[in-house]
PDB file of N, CA and C in Angstrom:
ATOM      1  N   MET A   1      78.048  -3.082  62.579  1.00  0.00           N
ATOM      2  CA  MET A   1      78.003  -2.784  61.410  1.00  0.00           C
ATOM      3  C   MET A   1      78.867  -3.701  60.380  1.00  0.00           C
ATOM      4  N   LEU A   2      79.759  -4.153  60.681  1.00  0.00           N
ATOM      5  CA  LEU A   2      80.806  -5.322  60.035  1.00  0.00           C
ATOM      6  C   LEU A   2      80.445  -6.720  60.288  1.00  0.00           C
ATOM      7  N   GLU A   3      79.330  -7.079  61.377  1.00  0.00           N
ATOM      8  CA  GLU A   3      79.057  -8.057  61.834  1.00  0.00           C
ATOM      9  C   GLU A   3      78.623  -9.026  60.741  1.00  0.00           C
ATOM     10  N   PHE A   4      77.403  -8.565  60.159  1.00  0.00           N
ATOM     11  CA  PHE A   4      76.620  -9.257  59.234  1.00  0.00           C
ATOM     12  C   PHE A   4      77.518  -9.948  58.053  1.00  0.00           C
ATOM     13  N   PRO A   5      78.561  -9.010  57.364  1.00  0.00           N
ATOM     14  CA  PRO A   5      79.218  -9.620  56.448  1.00  0.00           C
ATOM     15  C   PRO A   5      80.071 -10.701  56.773  1.00  0.00           C
ATOM     16  N   LEU A   6      80.943 -10.562  58.149  1.00  0.00           N
ATOM     17  CA  LEU A   6      81.823 -11.661  58.570  1.00  0.00           C
ATOM     18  C   LEU A   6      81.013 -12.630  59.188  1.00  0.00           C
ATOM     19  N   GLN A   7      79.939 -12.529  59.653  1.00  0.00           N
ATOM     20  CA  GLN A   7      78.905 -14.070  59.782  1.00  0.00           C
ATOM     21  C   GLN A   7      78.819 -14.442  58.595  1.00  0.00           C
ATOM     22  N   LEU A   8      78.480 -13.847  57.570  1.00  0.00           N
ATOM     23  CA  LEU A   8      78.209 -14.433  56.231  1.00  0.00           C
ATOM     24  C   LEU A   8      79.113 -15.224  55.767  1.00  0.00           C
ATOM     25  N   ILE A   9      80.323 -14.347  55.662  1.00  0.00           N
ATOM     26  CA  ILE A   9      81.810 -14.958  55.404  1.00  0.00           C
ATOM     27  C   ILE A   9      82.049 -16.466  56.114  1.00  0.00           C
ATOM     28  N   ASP A  10      82.138 -16.362  57.273  1.00  0.00           N
ATOM     29  CA  ASP A  10      82.238 -17.457  57.952  1.00  0.00           C
ATOM     30  C   ASP A  10      81.395 -18.502  58.069  1.00  0.00           C
ATOM     31  N   GLY A  11      79.828 -18.367  57.789  1.00  0.00           N
ATOM     32  CA  GLY A  11      79.182 -19.280  57.245  1.00  0.00           C
ATOM     33  C   GLY A  11      79.222 -20.235  56.060  1.00  0.00           C
ATOM     34  N   ILE A  12      79.838 -19.368  55.314  1.00  0.00           N
ATOM     35  CA  ILE A  12      80.209 -19.967  53.832  1.00  0.00           C
ATOM     36  C   ILE A  12      81.537 -20.905  54.118  1.00  0.00           C
ATOM     37  N   LEU A  13      82.585 -20.561  54.658  1.00  0.00           N
ATOM     38  CA  LEU A  13      83.612 -20.897  55.292  1.00  0.00           C
ATOM     39  C   LEU A  13      83.854 -22.065  55.932  1.00  0.00           C
ATOM     40  N   ARG A  14      83.078 -22.396  56.991  1.00  0.00           N
ATOM     41  CA  ARG A  14      82.849 -23.406  57.796  1.00  0.00           C
ATOM     42  C   ARG A  14      82.595 -24.701  56.982  1.00  0.00           C
ATOM     43  N   GLN A  15      81.939 -24.843  55.579  1.00  0.00           N
ATOM     44  CA  GLN A  15      81.803 -25.805  55.173  1.00  0.00           C
ATOM     45  C   GLN A  15      83.026 -26.242  54.557  1.00  0.00           C
ATOM     46  N   TYR A  16      83.903 -25.634  54.192  1.00  0.00           N
ATOM     47  CA  TYR A  16      85.335 -26.089  53.592  1.00  0.00           C
ATOM     48  C   TYR A  16      86.626 -26.469  54.418  1.00  0.00           C
ATOM     49  N   SER A  17      87.590 -27.337  53.895  1.00  0.00           N
ATOM     50  CA  SER A  17      88.477 -27.494  54.827  1.00  0.00           C
ATOM     51  C   SER A  17      89.747 -26.914  54.244  1.00  0.00           C
ATOM     52  N   VAL A  18      90.977 -26.913  54.862  1.00  0.00           N
ATOM     53  CA  VAL A  18      92.039 -26.478  54.623  1.00  0.00           C
ATOM     54  C   VAL A  18      92.547 -26.934  53.185  1.00  0.00           C
ATOM     55  N   ALA A  19      92.268 -28.345  52.683  1.00  0.00           N
ATOM     56  CA  ALA A  19      92.608 -28.641  51.464  1.00  0.00           C
ATOM     57  C   ALA A  19      92.011 -27.883  50.405  1.00  0.00           C
ATOM     58  N   HIS A  20      90.509 -27.650  50.880  1.00  0.00           N
ATOM     59  CA  HIS A  20      89.699 -27.136  49.498  1.00  0.00           C
ATOM     60  C   HIS A  20      90.449 -25.545  49.239  1.00  0.00           C
ATOM     61  N   ALA A  21      91.183 -25.116  50.360  1.00  0.00           N
ATOM     62  CA  ALA A  21      91.820 -23.637  50.025  1.00  0.00           C
ATOM     63  C   ALA A  21      93.037 -23.783  49.330  1.00  0.00           C
ATOM     64  N   ILE A  22      94.024 -24.891  49.544  1.00  0.00           N
ATOM     65  CA  ILE A  22      94.771 -25.408  48.894  1.00  0.00           C
ATOM     66  C   ILE A  22      94.512 -25.519  47.281  1.00  0.00           C
ATOM     67  N   LEU A  23      93.426 -26.635  47.162  1.00  0.00           N
ATOM     68  CA  LEU A  23      92.940 -26.933  45.591  1.00  0.00           C
ATOM     69  C   LEU A  23      92.815 -25.252  44.948  1.00  0.00           C
ATOM     70  N   LEU A  24      92.123 -24.614  45.697  1.00  0.00           N
ATOM     71  CA  LEU A  24      91.453 -23.246  44.835  1.00  0.00           C
ATOM     72  C   LEU A  24      92.929 -22.451  44.537  1.00  0.00           C
ATOM     73  N   LEU A  25      93.934 -22.467  45.552  1.00  0.00           N
ATOM     74  CA  LEU A  25      95.329 -22.149  45.111  1.00  0.00           C
ATOM     75  C   LEU A  25      95.781 -22.578  44.126  1.00  0.00           C
ATOM     76  N   PHE A  26      95.857 -23.861  43.858  1.00  0.00           N
ATOM     77  CA  PHE A  26      96.540 -24.633  43.076  1.00  0.00           C
ATOM     78  C   PHE A  26      95.828 -24.294  41.411  1.00  0.00           C
ATOM     79  N   VAL A  27      94.654 -24.346  41.630  1.00  0.00           N
ATOM     80  CA  VAL A  27      93.938 -23.918  40.372  1.00  0.00           C
ATOM     81  C   VAL A  27      94.404 -22.482  39.759  1.00  0.00           C
ATOM     82  N   PHE A  28      94.501 -21.627  40.983  1.00  0.00           N
ATOM     83  CA  PHE A  28      94.885 -20.473  40.440  1.00  0.00           C
ATOM     84  C   PHE A  28      96.315 -20.256  39.958  1.00  0.00           C
ATOM     85  N   ALA A  29      97.026 -21.270  40.464  1.00  0.00           N
ATOM     86  CA  ALA A  29      98.407 -21.235  40.230  1.00  0.00           C
ATOM     87  C   ALA A  29      98.469 -21.982  38.975  1.00  0.00           C
ATOM     88  N   LEU A  30      98.029 -22.985  38.661  1.00  0.00           N
ATOM     89  CA  LEU A  30      97.876 -23.470  37.448  1.00  0.00           C
ATOM     90  C   LEU A  30      97.564 -22.845  36.242  1.00  0.00           C
ATOM     91  N   LEU A  31      96.652 -21.736  36.418  1.00  0.00           N
ATOM     92  CA  LEU A  31      95.849 -20.797  35.093  1.00  0.00           C
ATOM     93  C   LEU A  31      97.462 -20.019  35.377  1.00  0.00           C
ATOM     94  N   ALA A  32      98.226 -19.353  36.099  1.00  0.00           N
ATOM     95  CA  ALA A  32      99.196 -18.614  35.734  1.00  0.00           C
ATOM     96  C   ALA A  32     100.693 -19.323  35.015  1.00  0.00           C
ATOM     97  N   GLY A  33     100.587 -20.342  35.177  1.00  0.00           N
ATOM     98  CA  GLY A  33     101.297 -21.603  34.331  1.00  0.00           C
ATOM     99  C   GLY A  33     101.020 -21.465  33.043  1.00  0.00           C
ATOM    100  N   VAL A  34      99.743 -21.436  32.936  1.00  0.00           N
ATOM    101  CA  VAL A  34      99.157 -21.683  31.411  1.00  0.00           C
ATOM    102  C   VAL A  34      99.301 -20.366  30.771  1.00  0.00           C
ATOM    103  N   VAL A  35      98.918 -19.379  31.573  1.00  0.00           N
ATOM    104  CA  VAL A  35      99.037 -18.079  30.792  1.00  0.00           C
ATOM    105  C   VAL A  35     100.895 -17.613  30.272  1.00  0.00           C
ATOM    106  N   LYS A  36     101.698 -18.513  31.239  1.00  0.00           N
ATOM    107  CA  LYS A  36     102.952 -18.260  30.955  1.00  0.00           C
ATOM    108  C   LYS A  36     103.363 -19.177  29.778  1.00  0.00           C
ATOM    109  N   LYS A  37     102.852 -20.106  29.590  1.00  0.00           N
ATOM    110  CA  LYS A  37     103.091 -21.152  28.549  1.00  0.00           C
ATOM    111  C   LYS A  37     104.341 -21.832  28.833  1.00  0.00           C
ATOM    112  N   SER A  38     104.365 -22.001  30.104  1.00  0.00           N
ATOM    113  CA  SER A  38     105.466 -22.859  30.513  1.00  0.00           C
ATOM    114  C   SER A  38     105.191 -24.228  30.989  1.00  0.00           C
ATOM    115  N   MET A  39     105.756 -25.380  30.316  1.00  0.00           N
ATOM    116  CA  MET A  39     105.370 -26.382  30.791  1.00  0.00           C
ATOM    117  C   MET A  39     106.392 -26.908  31.972  1.00  0.00           C
ATOM    118  N   ARG A  40     107.414 -26.390  32.130  1.00  0.00           N
ATOM    119  CA  ARG A  40     108.233 -26.640  33.188  1.00  0.00           C
ATOM    120  C   ARG A  40     107.799 -25.882  34.808  1.00  0.00           C
ATOM    121  N   LEU A  41     107.173 -24.854  34.500  1.00  0.00           N
ATOM    122  CA  LEU A  41     106.592 -23.918  35.867  1.00  0.00           C
ATOM    123  C   LEU A  41     105.309 -24.982  35.987  1.00  0.00           C
ATOM    124  N   THR A  42     104.570 -25.605  34.863  1.00  0.00           N
ATOM    125  CA  THR A  42     103.309 -26.381  35.484  1.00  0.00           C
ATOM    126  C   THR A  42     103.934 -27.589  35.966  1.00  0.00           C
ATOM    127  N   GLY A  43     104.823 -28.054  35.603  1.00  0.00           N
ATOM    128  CA  GLY A  43     105.503 -29.526  36.430  1.00  0.00           C
ATOM    129  C   GLY A  43     106.034 -29.090  37.754  1.00  0.00           C
ATOM    130  N   LEU A  44     106.737 -27.984  37.965  1.00  0.00           N
ATOM    131  CA  LEU A  44     107.257 -27.913  39.210  1.00  0.00           C
ATOM    132  C   LEU A  44     105.803 -27.336  40.083  1.00  0.00           C
ATOM    133  N   GLN A  45     104.955 -26.759  39.697  1.00  0.00           N
ATOM    134  CA  GLN A  45     103.373 -26.361  40.483  1.00  0.00           C
ATOM    135  C   GLN A  45     103.069 -27.967  40.763  1.00  0.00           C
ATOM    136  N   PHE A  46     102.657 -28.637  39.899  1.00  0.00           N
ATOM    137  CA  PHE A  46     102.208 -30.118  40.225  1.00  0.00           C
ATOM    138  C   PHE A  46     102.963 -30.547  41.462  1.00  0.00           C
ATOM    139  N   VAL A  47     104.151 -30.560  41.301  1.00  0.00           N
ATOM    140  CA  VAL A  47     105.257 -31.210  42.658  1.00  0.00           C
ATOM    141  C   VAL A  47     104.931 -30.521  43.760  1.00  0.00           C
ATOM    142  N   VAL A  48     105.236 -29.336  43.579  1.00  0.00           N
ATOM    143  CA  VAL A  48     104.889 -28.634  44.861  1.00  0.00           C
ATOM    144  C   VAL A  48     103.561 -28.672  45.623  1.00  0.00           C
ATOM    145  N   PHE A  49     102.572 -28.485  44.684  1.00  0.00           N
ATOM    146  CA  PHE A  49     101.029 -28.653  45.573  1.00  0.00           C
ATOM    147  C   PHE A  49     101.106 -30.229  45.679  1.00  0.00           C
ATOM    148  N   GLY A  50     101.408 -30.939  45.185  1.00  0.00           N
ATOM    149  CA  GLY A  50     101.592 -32.416  45.365  1.00  0.00           C
ATOM    150  C   GLY A  50     102.417 -32.667  47.089  1.00  0.00           C
ATOM    151  N   LEU A  51     103.163 -32.225  47.150  1.00  0.00           N
ATOM    152  CA  LEU A  51     103.725 -31.974  48.253  1.00  0.00           C
ATOM    153  C   LEU A  51     103.062 -31.380  49.466  1.00  0.00           C
ATOM    154  N   ILE A  52     102.260 -30.422  49.223  1.00  0.00           N
ATOM    155  CA  ILE A  52     101.833 -29.805  49.985  1.00  0.00           C
ATOM    156  C   ILE A  52     100.459 -30.599  50.463  1.00  0.00           C
ATOM    157  N   PHE A  53      99.964 -31.106  49.592  1.00  0.00           N
ATOM    158  CA  PHE A  53      98.807 -31.912  49.799  1.00  0.00           C
ATOM    159  C   PHE A  53      99.200 -33.042  50.404  1.00  0.00           C
ATOM    160  N   PHE A  54     100.085 -33.923  50.249  1.00  0.00           N
ATOM    161  CA  PHE A  54     100.635 -35.135  50.967  1.00  0.00           C
ATOM    162  C   PHE A  54     101.081 -34.837  52.215  1.00  0.00           C
ATOM    163  N   LEU A  55     101.497 -33.547  52.551  1.00  0.00           N
ATOM    164  CA  LEU A  55     102.239 -33.445  53.853  1.00  0.00           C
ATOM    165  C   LEU A  55     101.323 -32.630  54.927  1.00  0.00           C
ATOM    166  N   THR A  56     100.095 -31.937  54.389  1.00  0.00           N
ATOM    167  CA  THR A  56      98.930 -31.652  55.272  1.00  0.00           C
ATOM    168  C   THR A  56      98.542 -32.659  56.138  1.00  0.00           C
ATOM    169  N   PRO A  57      98.658 -32.542  57.628  1.00  0.00           N
ATOM    170  CA  PRO A  57      97.944 -33.364  58.414  1.00  0.00           C
ATOM    171  C   PRO A  57      96.882 -33.865  57.885  1.00  0.00           C
ATOM    172  N   ILE A  58      96.598 -35.330  58.199  1.00  0.00           N
ATOM    173  CA  ILE A  58      95.043 -36.035  57.519  1.00  0.00           C
ATOM    174  C   ILE A  58      94.087 -35.609  58.374  1.00  0.00           C
ATOM    175  N   SER A  59      94.075 -34.693  59.345  1.00  0.00           N
ATOM    176  CA  SER A  59      93.131 -34.517  60.441  1.00  0.00           C
ATOM    177  C   SER A  59      92.586 -33.069  59.875  1.00  0.00           C
ATOM    178  N   GLN A  60      93.153 -32.579  58.729  1.00  0.00           N
ATOM    179  CA  GLN A  60      93.143 -31.323  58.427  1.00  0.00           C
ATOM    180  C   GLN A  60      91.753 -31.346  57.220  1.00  0.00           C
ATOM    181  N   HIS A  61      91.948 -32.697  56.492  1.00  0.00           N
ATOM    182  CA  HIS A  61      91.194 -32.825  55.074  1.00  0.00           C
ATOM    183  C   HIS A  61      90.826 -34.419  54.885  1.00  0.00           C
ATOM    184  N   PRO A  62      89.809 -34.447  54.040  1.00  0.00           N
ATOM    185  CA  PRO A  62      89.739 -35.821  53.841  1.00  0.00           C
ATOM    186  C   PRO A  62      90.929 -36.833  53.183  1.00  0.00           C
ATOM    187  N   MET A  63      90.811 -38.107  53.004  1.00  0.00           N
ATOM    188  CA  MET A  63      92.025 -38.729  52.712  1.00  0.00           C
ATOM    189  C   MET A  63      92.449 -38.768  50.936  1.00  0.00           C
ATOM    190  N   TYR A  64      91.303 -38.546  50.511  1.00  0.00           N
ATOM    191  CA  TYR A  64      91.391 -38.196  48.973  1.00  0.00           C
ATOM    192  C   TYR A  64      92.171 -37.191  48.640  1.00  0.00           C
ATOM    193  N   PHE A  65      92.254 -36.282  49.411  1.00  0.00           N
ATOM    194  CA  PHE A  65      93.346 -35.139  49.130  1.00  0.00           C
ATOM    195  C   PHE A  65      95.018 -35.648  48.874  1.00  0.00           C
ATOM    196  N   GLN A  66      95.234 -36.559  50.100  1.00  0.00           N
ATOM    197  CA  GLN A  66      96.626 -36.938  50.092  1.00  0.00           C
ATOM    198  C   GLN A  66      96.862 -38.229  48.991  1.00  0.00           C
ATOM    199  N   TYR A  67      95.708 -38.526  48.277  1.00  0.00           N
ATOM    200  CA  TYR A  67      95.997 -39.375  47.201  1.00  0.00           C
ATOM    201  C   TYR A  67      96.208 -38.649  45.811  1.00  0.00           C
ATOM    202  N   LEU A  68      95.610 -37.542  46.065  1.00  0.00           N
ATOM    203  CA  LEU A  68      95.612 -36.568  44.761  1.00  0.00           C
ATOM    204  C   LEU A  68      97.216 -35.857  44.973  1.00  0.00           C
ATOM    205  N   GLY A  69      97.530 -35.540  46.086  1.00  0.00           N
ATOM    206  CA  GLY A  69      98.971 -35.214  46.564  1.00  0.00           C
ATOM    207  C   GLY A  69      99.916 -35.991  46.051  1.00  0.00           C
ATOM    208  N   LEU A  70      99.988 -37.412  46.070  1.00  0.00           N
ATOM    209  CA  LEU A  70     100.715 -38.359  45.739  1.00  0.00           C
ATOM    210  C   LEU A  70     100.514 -38.477  44.067  1.00  0.00           C
ATOM    211  N   GLY A  71      99.383 -38.401  43.496  1.00  0.00           N
ATOM    212  CA  GLY A  71      99.594 -38.282  41.671  1.00  0.00           C
ATOM    213  C   GLY A  71     100.099 -37.283  41.457  1.00  0.00           C
ATOM    214  N   LEU A  72      99.774 -36.083  41.966  1.00  0.00           N
ATOM    215  CA  LEU A  72     100.474 -34.955  41.391  1.00  0.00           C
ATOM    216  C   LEU A  72     102.039 -34.938  41.868  1.00  0.00           C
ATOM    217  N   MET A  73     102.618 -35.439  42.485  1.00  0.00           N
ATOM    218  CA  MET A  73     104.315 -35.905  42.566  1.00  0.00           C
ATOM    219  C   MET A  73     104.760 -36.765  42.103  1.00  0.00           C
ATOM    220  N   VAL A  74     103.794 -37.407  41.453  1.00  0.00           N
ATOM    221  CA  VAL A  74     104.350 -38.476  39.911  1.00  0.00           C
ATOM    222  C   VAL A  74     104.133 -37.780  38.860  1.00  0.00           C
ATOM    223  N   VAL A  75     103.054 -37.208  38.717  1.00  0.00           N
ATOM    224  CA  VAL A  75     102.961 -36.600  37.118  1.00  0.00           C
ATOM    225  C   VAL A  75     103.656 -35.533  36.857  1.00  0.00           C
ATOM    226  N   GLY A  76     104.064 -34.627  37.972  1.00  0.00           N
ATOM    227  CA  GLY A  76     104.744 -33.524  38.095  1.00  0.00           C
ATOM    228  C   GLY A  76     106.372 -33.561  37.179  1.00  0.00           C
ATOM    229  N   PRO A  77     106.914 -34.479  37.854  1.00  0.00           N
ATOM    230  CA  PRO A  77     108.241 -34.547  37.409  1.00  0.00           C
ATOM    231  C   PRO A  77     108.324 -35.135  35.753  1.00  0.00           C
ATOM    232  N   VAL A  78     107.169 -35.812  35.369  1.00  0.00           N
ATOM    233  CA  VAL A  78     107.193 -36.080  34.170  1.00  0.00           C
ATOM    234  C   VAL A  78     106.771 -34.928  33.080  1.00  0.00           C
ATOM    235  N   ILE A  79     106.000 -34.217  33.605  1.00  0.00           N
ATOM    236  CA  ILE A  79     105.736 -33.062  32.702  1.00  0.00           C
ATOM    237  C   ILE A  79     106.689 -32.229  32.802  1.00  0.00           C
ATOM    238  N   PHE A  80     107.596 -31.880  33.965  1.00  0.00           N
ATOM    239  CA  PHE A  80     108.732 -31.329  33.944  1.00  0.00           C
ATOM    240  C   PHE A  80     109.864 -31.607  32.800  1.00  0.00           C
ATOM    241  N   ILE A  81     109.974 -33.115  32.647  1.00  0.00           N
ATOM    242  CA  ILE A  81     110.800 -33.852  32.032  1.00  0.00           C
ATOM    243  C   ILE A  81     110.615 -33.578  30.362  1.00  0.00           C
ATOM    244  N   ALA A  82     109.312 -33.680  30.325  1.00  0.00           N
ATOM    245  CA  ALA A  82     108.845 -33.585  28.827  1.00  0.00           C
ATOM    246  C   ALA A  82     108.816 -32.148  28.202  1.00  0.00           C
ATOM    247  N   ALA A  83     108.822 -31.260  29.061  1.00  0.00           N
ATOM    248  CA  ALA A  83     108.642 -29.854  28.550  1.00  0.00           C
ATOM    249  C   ALA A  83     109.931 -29.610  27.730  1.00  0.00           C
ATOM    250  N   GLU A  84     109.594 -28.766  26.351  1.00  0.00           N
ATOM    251  CA  GLU A  84     110.565 -28.341  25.615  1.00  0.00           C
ATOM    252  C   GLU A  84     110.575 -26.691  25.750  1.00  0.00           C
ATOM    253  N   ASP A  85     110.469 -26.445  26.829  1.00  0.00           N
ATOM    254  CA  ASP A  85     110.883 -24.883  27.048  1.00  0.00           C
ATOM    255  C   ASP A  85     111.995 -24.445  26.878  1.00  0.00           C
TER     256      ASP A  85
END
């Protein structure tokens, strides 16, 4: 009875890597920071997710996600310092 939905979900999820799931989490976390109207929180989120992207093993995702992580780690402190909260 539950086999069909699980096979359907498994078929969809096989197309994505770990980094895609982390990216989706980052987007949801970024939306939460925007709702709170806190630039410091947004800067911290950039740094944390940048570290997660950068430290995730390269075998788990394509190389450009590590470059994204490096960019987020550079931009995050700038946003945090520039915040006037």
